[in-house]
Amino acid sequence: MKKLKIPQNHSGISKTLRLPENIVKDIQILSDMKNISFNKTVTELLEFSLKNLDEEDEKVIEEKRKDFSMLY
């Protein structure tokens, strides 16, 4: 008989976002088209955006990330 194994918490962090209705609708449509969750779609869109930032913004984020990691 297999044993039940409860996984540890995933590394996700819960945040509440207030988004314009038209953006929510478009993301939901995209999620439905691709048959993935709304959350996964938002995550993919955010990751893409962060990977394609202006070089100056990217440098600032990299510096702030170092400061942020020292706090936690």
PDB file of N, CA and C in Angstrom:
ATOM      1  N   MET A   1       0.843  -1.184   0.000  1.00  0.00           N
ATOM      2  CA  MET A   1       0.000   0.000   0.000  1.00  0.00           C
ATOM      3  C   MET A   1       0.887   1.246   0.000  1.00  0.00           C
ATOM      4  N   LYS A   2       0.556   2.209  -0.868  1.00  0.00           N
ATOM      5  CA  LYS A   2       1.319   3.455  -0.912  1.00  0.00           C
ATOM      6  C   LYS A   2       1.011   4.307   0.298  1.00  0.00           C
ATOM      7  N   LYS A   3       2.016   5.047   0.727  1.00  0.00           N
ATOM      8  CA  LYS A   3       1.864   5.956   1.858  1.00  0.00           C
ATOM      9  C   LYS A   3       1.546   7.355   1.354  1.00  0.00           C
ATOM     10  N   LEU A   4       0.725   8.052   2.092  1.00  0.00           N
ATOM     11  CA  LEU A   4       0.409   9.436   1.770  1.00  0.00           C
ATOM     12  C   LEU A   4       1.595  10.306   2.133  1.00  0.00           C
ATOM     13  N   LYS A   5       2.047  11.112   1.182  1.00  0.00           N
ATOM     14  CA  LYS A   5       3.137  12.047   1.446  1.00  0.00           C
ATOM     15  C   LYS A   5       2.632  13.457   1.156  1.00  0.00           C
ATOM     16  N   ILE A   6       2.640  14.286   2.152  1.00  0.00           N
ATOM     17  CA  ILE A   6       2.217  15.675   2.006  1.00  0.00           C
ATOM     18  C   ILE A   6       3.450  16.487   1.631  1.00  0.00           C
ATOM     19  N   PRO A   7       3.447  17.127   0.457  1.00  0.00           N
ATOM     20  CA  PRO A   7       4.621  17.923   0.072  1.00  0.00           C
ATOM     21  C   PRO A   7       4.758  19.176   0.924  1.00  0.00           C
ATOM     22  N   GLN A   8       5.991  19.644   1.040  1.00  0.00           N
ATOM     23  CA  GLN A   8       6.207  20.903   1.736  1.00  0.00           C
ATOM     24  C   GLN A   8       5.605  22.026   0.910  1.00  0.00           C
ATOM     25  N   ASN A   9       5.414  23.158   1.567  1.00  0.00           N
ATOM     26  CA  ASN A   9       4.860  24.307   0.851  1.00  0.00           C
ATOM     27  C   ASN A   9       5.719  24.626  -0.367  1.00  0.00           C
ATOM     28  N   HIS A  10       5.054  24.974  -1.442  1.00  0.00           N
ATOM     29  CA  HIS A  10       5.800  25.386  -2.630  1.00  0.00           C
ATOM     30  C   HIS A  10       6.390  26.769  -2.388  1.00  0.00           C
ATOM     31  N   SER A  11       7.236  27.188  -3.270  1.00  0.00           N
ATOM     32  CA  SER A  11       7.950  28.443  -3.041  1.00  0.00           C
ATOM     33  C   SER A  11       7.149  29.677  -3.453  1.00  0.00           C
ATOM     34  N   GLY A  12       5.893  29.492  -3.811  1.00  0.00           N
ATOM     35  CA  GLY A  12       5.078  30.628  -4.218  1.00  0.00           C
ATOM     36  C   GLY A  12       4.711  31.524  -3.052  1.00  0.00           C
ATOM     37  N   ILE A  13       4.454  32.771  -3.369  1.00  0.00           N
ATOM     38  CA  ILE A  13       4.035  33.758  -2.385  1.00  0.00           C
ATOM     39  C   ILE A  13       2.692  34.300  -2.841  1.00  0.00           C
ATOM     40  N   SER A  14       1.765  34.412  -1.929  1.00  0.00           N
ATOM     41  CA  SER A  14       0.454  34.926  -2.255  1.00  0.00           C
ATOM     42  C   SER A  14       0.457  36.447  -2.214  1.00  0.00           C
ATOM     43  N   LYS A  15      -0.017  37.063  -3.280  1.00  0.00           N
ATOM     44  CA  LYS A  15      -0.160  38.518  -3.371  1.00  0.00           C
ATOM     45  C   LYS A  15      -1.537  38.820  -3.946  1.00  0.00           C
ATOM     46  N   THR A  16      -2.101  39.908  -3.528  1.00  0.00           N
ATOM     47  CA  THR A  16      -3.374  40.353  -4.083  1.00  0.00           C
ATOM     48  C   THR A  16      -3.102  41.494  -5.053  1.00  0.00           C
ATOM     49  N   LEU A  17      -3.652  41.365  -6.252  1.00  0.00           N
ATOM     50  CA  LEU A  17      -3.473  42.399  -7.275  1.00  0.00           C
ATOM     51  C   LEU A  17      -4.827  42.953  -7.677  1.00  0.00           C
ATOM     52  N   ARG A  18      -4.875  44.229  -7.913  1.00  0.00           N
ATOM     53  CA  ARG A  18      -6.074  44.851  -8.463  1.00  0.00           C
ATOM     54  C   ARG A  18      -5.751  45.207  -9.908  1.00  0.00           C
ATOM     55  N   LEU A  19      -6.439  44.524 -10.817  1.00  0.00           N
ATOM     56  CA  LEU A  19      -6.166  44.685 -12.237  1.00  0.00           C
ATOM     57  C   LEU A  19      -7.378  45.269 -12.945  1.00  0.00           C
ATOM     58  N   PRO A  20      -7.135  46.050 -13.988  1.00  0.00           N
ATOM     59  CA  PRO A  20      -8.264  46.557 -14.772  1.00  0.00           C
ATOM     60  C   PRO A  20      -9.060  45.394 -15.376  1.00  0.00           C
ATOM     61  N   GLU A  21     -10.346  45.570 -15.438  1.00  0.00           N
ATOM     62  CA  GLU A  21     -11.238  44.511 -15.910  1.00  0.00           C
ATOM     63  C   GLU A  21     -10.877  44.024 -17.313  1.00  0.00           C
ATOM     64  N   ASN A  22     -10.518  44.939 -18.199  1.00  0.00           N
ATOM     65  CA  ASN A  22     -10.192  44.535 -19.573  1.00  0.00           C
ATOM     66  C   ASN A  22      -8.952  43.639 -19.613  1.00  0.00           C
ATOM     67  N   ILE A  23      -7.986  43.878 -18.736  1.00  0.00           N
ATOM     68  CA  ILE A  23      -6.783  43.048 -18.686  1.00  0.00           C
ATOM     69  C   ILE A  23      -7.137  41.657 -18.150  1.00  0.00           C
ATOM     70  N   VAL A  24      -7.957  41.611 -17.120  1.00  0.00           N
ATOM     71  CA  VAL A  24      -8.382  40.328 -16.557  1.00  0.00           C
ATOM     72  C   VAL A  24      -9.106  39.504 -17.625  1.00  0.00           C
ATOM     73  N   LYS A  25      -9.993  40.141 -18.372  1.00  0.00           N
ATOM     74  CA  LYS A  25     -10.720  39.439 -19.430  1.00  0.00           C
ATOM     75  C   LYS A  25      -9.765  38.879 -20.470  1.00  0.00           C
ATOM     76  N   ASP A  26      -8.803  39.693 -20.908  1.00  0.00           N
ATOM     77  CA  ASP A  26      -7.848  39.236 -21.926  1.00  0.00           C
ATOM     78  C   ASP A  26      -6.977  38.096 -21.411  1.00  0.00           C
ATOM     79  N   ILE A  27      -6.558  38.182 -20.170  1.00  0.00           N
ATOM     80  CA  ILE A  27      -5.744  37.109 -19.592  1.00  0.00           C
ATOM     81  C   ILE A  27      -6.574  35.836 -19.471  1.00  0.00           C
ATOM     82  N   GLN A  28      -7.827  35.961 -19.076  1.00  0.00           N
ATOM     83  CA  GLN A  28      -8.686  34.782 -18.973  1.00  0.00           C
ATOM     84  C   GLN A  28      -8.898  34.148 -20.340  1.00  0.00           C
ATOM     85  N   ILE A  29      -9.110  34.958 -21.364  1.00  0.00           N
ATOM     86  CA  ILE A  29      -9.268  34.439 -22.725  1.00  0.00           C
ATOM     87  C   ILE A  29      -8.003  33.696 -23.155  1.00  0.00           C
ATOM     88  N   LEU A  30      -6.846  34.290 -22.904  1.00  0.00           N
ATOM     89  CA  LEU A  30      -5.575  33.655 -23.250  1.00  0.00           C
ATOM     90  C   LEU A  30      -5.397  32.346 -22.480  1.00  0.00           C
ATOM     91  N   SER A  31      -5.741  32.356 -21.199  1.00  0.00           N
ATOM     92  CA  SER A  31      -5.647  31.149 -20.372  1.00  0.00           C
ATOM     93  C   SER A  31      -6.523  30.033 -20.940  1.00  0.00           C
ATOM     94  N   ASP A  32      -7.739  30.386 -21.306  1.00  0.00           N
ATOM     95  CA  ASP A  32      -8.664  29.406 -21.878  1.00  0.00           C
ATOM     96  C   ASP A  32      -8.144  28.876 -23.212  1.00  0.00           C
ATOM     97  N   MET A  33      -7.605  29.767 -24.034  1.00  0.00           N
ATOM     98  CA  MET A  33      -7.055  29.358 -25.336  1.00  0.00           C
ATOM     99  C   MET A  33      -5.924  28.350 -25.170  1.00  0.00           C
ATOM    100  N   LYS A  34      -5.072  28.579 -24.195  1.00  0.00           N
ATOM    101  CA  LYS A  34      -3.885  27.744 -23.986  1.00  0.00           C
ATOM    102  C   LYS A  34      -4.136  26.603 -23.004  1.00  0.00           C
ATOM    103  N   ASN A  35      -5.349  26.578 -22.435  1.00  0.00           N
ATOM    104  CA  ASN A  35      -5.737  25.547 -21.478  1.00  0.00           C
ATOM    105  C   ASN A  35      -4.775  25.480 -20.288  1.00  0.00           C
ATOM    106  N   ILE A  36      -4.443  26.650 -19.767  1.00  0.00           N
ATOM    107  CA  ILE A  36      -3.625  26.742 -18.556  1.00  0.00           C
ATOM    108  C   ILE A  36      -4.336  27.666 -17.569  1.00  0.00           C
ATOM    109  N   SER A  37      -3.924  27.616 -16.329  1.00  0.00           N
ATOM    110  CA  SER A  37      -4.600  28.409 -15.302  1.00  0.00           C
ATOM    111  C   SER A  37      -4.341  29.906 -15.486  1.00  0.00           C
ATOM    112  N   PHE A  38      -5.236  30.679 -14.947  1.00  0.00           N
ATOM    113  CA  PHE A  38      -5.086  32.134 -14.961  1.00  0.00           C
ATOM    114  C   PHE A  38      -3.776  32.523 -14.290  1.00  0.00           C
ATOM    115  N   ASN A  39      -3.499  31.902 -13.138  1.00  0.00           N
ATOM    116  CA  ASN A  39      -2.277  32.203 -12.385  1.00  0.00           C
ATOM    117  C   ASN A  39      -1.027  31.894 -13.210  1.00  0.00           C
ATOM    118  N   LYS A  40      -1.019  30.743 -13.880  1.00  0.00           N
ATOM    119  CA  LYS A  40       0.134  30.362 -14.708  1.00  0.00           C
ATOM    120  C   LYS A  40       0.308  31.358 -15.854  1.00  0.00           C
ATOM    121  N   THR A  41      -0.779  31.801 -16.445  1.00  0.00           N
ATOM    122  CA  THR A  41      -0.706  32.776 -17.535  1.00  0.00           C
ATOM    123  C   THR A  41      -0.110  34.084 -17.046  1.00  0.00           C
ATOM    124  N   VAL A  42      -0.575  34.568 -15.902  1.00  0.00           N
ATOM    125  CA  VAL A  42      -0.036  35.813 -15.341  1.00  0.00           C
ATOM    126  C   VAL A  42       1.446  35.651 -15.041  1.00  0.00           C
ATOM    127  N   THR A  43       1.832  34.521 -14.462  1.00  0.00           N
ATOM    128  CA  THR A  43       3.240  34.267 -14.149  1.00  0.00           C
ATOM    129  C   THR A  43       4.087  34.280 -15.410  1.00  0.00           C
ATOM    130  N   GLU A  44       3.618  33.620 -16.463  1.00  0.00           N
ATOM    131  CA  GLU A  44       4.362  33.591 -17.728  1.00  0.00           C
ATOM    132  C   GLU A  44       4.497  34.991 -18.329  1.00  0.00           C
ATOM    133  N   LEU A  45       3.416  35.765 -18.271  1.00  0.00           N
ATOM    134  CA  LEU A  45       3.462  37.131 -18.811  1.00  0.00           C
ATOM    135  C   LEU A  45       4.441  37.999 -18.023  1.00  0.00           C
ATOM    136  N   LEU A  46       4.423  37.864 -16.709  1.00  0.00           N
ATOM    137  CA  LEU A  46       5.337  38.645 -15.873  1.00  0.00           C
ATOM    138  C   LEU A  46       6.792  38.235 -16.096  1.00  0.00           C
ATOM    139  N   GLU A  47       7.037  36.925 -16.189  1.00  0.00           N
ATOM    140  CA  GLU A  47       8.406  36.459 -16.448  1.00  0.00           C
ATOM    141  C   GLU A  47       8.916  36.980 -17.788  1.00  0.00           C
ATOM    142  N   PHE A  48       8.060  36.933 -18.805  1.00  0.00           N
ATOM    143  CA  PHE A  48       8.446  37.451 -20.117  1.00  0.00           C
ATOM    144  C   PHE A  48       8.777  38.936 -20.028  1.00  0.00           C
ATOM    145  N   SER A  49       7.929  39.686 -19.341  1.00  0.00           N
ATOM    146  CA  SER A  49       8.150  41.127 -19.204  1.00  0.00           C
ATOM    147  C   SER A  49       9.458  41.421 -18.494  1.00  0.00           C
ATOM    148  N   LEU A  50       9.738  40.690 -17.425  1.00  0.00           N
ATOM    149  CA  LEU A  50      10.964  40.924 -16.665  1.00  0.00           C
ATOM    150  C   LEU A  50      12.213  40.559 -17.475  1.00  0.00           C
ATOM    151  N   LYS A  51      12.099  39.563 -18.325  1.00  0.00           N
ATOM    152  CA  LYS A  51      13.238  39.155 -19.164  1.00  0.00           C
ATOM    153  C   LYS A  51      13.480  40.129 -20.314  1.00  0.00           C
ATOM    154  N   ASN A  52      12.514  40.985 -20.587  1.00  0.00           N
ATOM    155  CA  ASN A  52      12.608  41.900 -21.724  1.00  0.00           C
ATOM    156  C   ASN A  52      12.534  43.364 -21.306  1.00  0.00           C
ATOM    157  N   LEU A  53      13.083  43.649 -20.152  1.00  0.00           N
ATOM    158  CA  LEU A  53      13.115  45.022 -19.653  1.00  0.00           C
ATOM    159  C   LEU A  53      14.157  45.858 -20.384  1.00  0.00           C
ATOM    160  N   ASP A  54      13.975  47.144 -20.291  1.00  0.00           N
ATOM    161  CA  ASP A  54      14.985  48.092 -20.719  1.00  0.00           C
ATOM    162  C   ASP A  54      16.262  47.806 -19.926  1.00  0.00           C
ATOM    163  N   GLU A  55      17.406  47.937 -20.548  1.00  0.00           N
ATOM    164  CA  GLU A  55      18.679  47.608 -19.901  1.00  0.00           C
ATOM    165  C   GLU A  55      18.905  48.389 -18.609  1.00  0.00           C
ATOM    166  N   GLU A  56      18.546  49.652 -18.593  1.00  0.00           N
ATOM    167  CA  GLU A  56      18.724  50.457 -17.382  1.00  0.00           C
ATOM    168  C   GLU A  56      17.846  49.947 -16.242  1.00  0.00           C
ATOM    169  N   ASP A  57      16.596  49.630 -16.558  1.00  0.00           N
ATOM    170  CA  ASP A  57      15.694  49.086 -15.531  1.00  0.00           C
ATOM    171  C   ASP A  57      16.218  47.747 -15.021  1.00  0.00           C
ATOM    172  N   GLU A  58      16.737  46.946 -15.927  1.00  0.00           N
ATOM    173  CA  GLU A  58      17.281  45.643 -15.551  1.00  0.00           C
ATOM    174  C   GLU A  58      18.443  45.791 -14.569  1.00  0.00           C
ATOM    175  N   LYS A  59      19.311  46.771 -14.808  1.00  0.00           N
ATOM    176  CA  LYS A  59      20.449  47.021 -13.913  1.00  0.00           C
ATOM    177  C   LYS A  59      19.971  47.454 -12.525  1.00  0.00           C
ATOM    178  N   VAL A  60      18.980  48.323 -12.481  1.00  0.00           N
ATOM    179  CA  VAL A  60      18.447  48.792 -11.200  1.00  0.00           C
ATOM    180  C   VAL A  60      17.838  47.627 -10.427  1.00  0.00           C
ATOM    181  N   ILE A  61      17.080  46.792 -11.107  1.00  0.00           N
ATOM    182  CA  ILE A  61      16.469  45.635 -10.448  1.00  0.00           C
ATOM    183  C   ILE A  61      17.546  44.703  -9.910  1.00  0.00           C
ATOM    184  N   GLU A  62      18.588  44.470 -10.679  1.00  0.00           N
ATOM    185  CA  GLU A  62      19.675  43.592 -10.235  1.00  0.00           C
ATOM    186  C   GLU A  62      20.313  44.127  -8.957  1.00  0.00           C
ATOM    187  N   GLU A  63      20.540  45.421  -8.896  1.00  0.00           N
ATOM    188  CA  GLU A  63      21.108  46.027  -7.689  1.00  0.00           C
ATOM    189  C   GLU A  63      20.150  45.912  -6.500  1.00  0.00           C
ATOM    190  N   LYS A  64      18.890  46.211  -6.738  1.00  0.00           N
ATOM    191  CA  LYS A  64      17.891  46.142  -5.665  1.00  0.00           C
ATOM    192  C   LYS A  64      17.708  44.708  -5.182  1.00  0.00           C
ATOM    193  N   ARG A  65      17.821  43.737  -6.091  1.00  0.00           N
ATOM    194  CA  ARG A  65      17.676  42.337  -5.728  1.00  0.00           C
ATOM    195  C   ARG A  65      18.744  41.945  -4.705  1.00  0.00           C
ATOM    196  N   LYS A  66      19.959  42.450  -4.870  1.00  0.00           N
ATOM    197  CA  LYS A  66      21.040  42.178  -3.920  1.00  0.00           C
ATOM    198  C   LYS A  66      20.675  42.739  -2.544  1.00  0.00           C
ATOM    199  N   ASP A  67      20.183  43.970  -2.513  1.00  0.00           N
ATOM    200  CA  ASP A  67      19.777  44.589  -1.250  1.00  0.00           C
ATOM    201  C   ASP A  67      18.624  43.818  -0.619  1.00  0.00           C
ATOM    202  N   PHE A  68      17.678  43.414  -1.434  1.00  0.00           N
ATOM    203  CA  PHE A  68      16.490  42.713  -0.954  1.00  0.00           C
ATOM    204  C   PHE A  68      16.857  41.369  -0.336  1.00  0.00           C
ATOM    205  N   SER A  69      17.780  40.635  -0.974  1.00  0.00           N
ATOM    206  CA  SER A  69      18.145  39.321  -0.457  1.00  0.00           C
ATOM    207  C   SER A  69      18.877  39.408   0.878  1.00  0.00           C
ATOM    208  N   MET A  70      19.529  40.534   1.146  1.00  0.00           N
ATOM    209  CA  MET A  70      20.211  40.685   2.411  1.00  0.00           C
ATOM    210  C   MET A  70      19.217  40.897   3.563  1.00  0.00           C
ATOM    211  N   LEU A  71      18.013  41.351   3.238  1.00  0.00           N
ATOM    212  CA  LEU A  71      16.989  41.571   4.261  1.00  0.00           C
ATOM    213  C   LEU A  71      16.362  40.271   4.726  1.00  0.00           C
ATOM    214  N   TYR A  72      16.372  39.246   3.861  1.00  0.00           N
ATOM    215  CA  TYR A  72      15.657  37.990   4.173  1.00  0.00           C
ATOM    216  C   TYR A  72      16.578  36.824   4.206  1.00  0.00           C
TER     217      TYR A  72
END
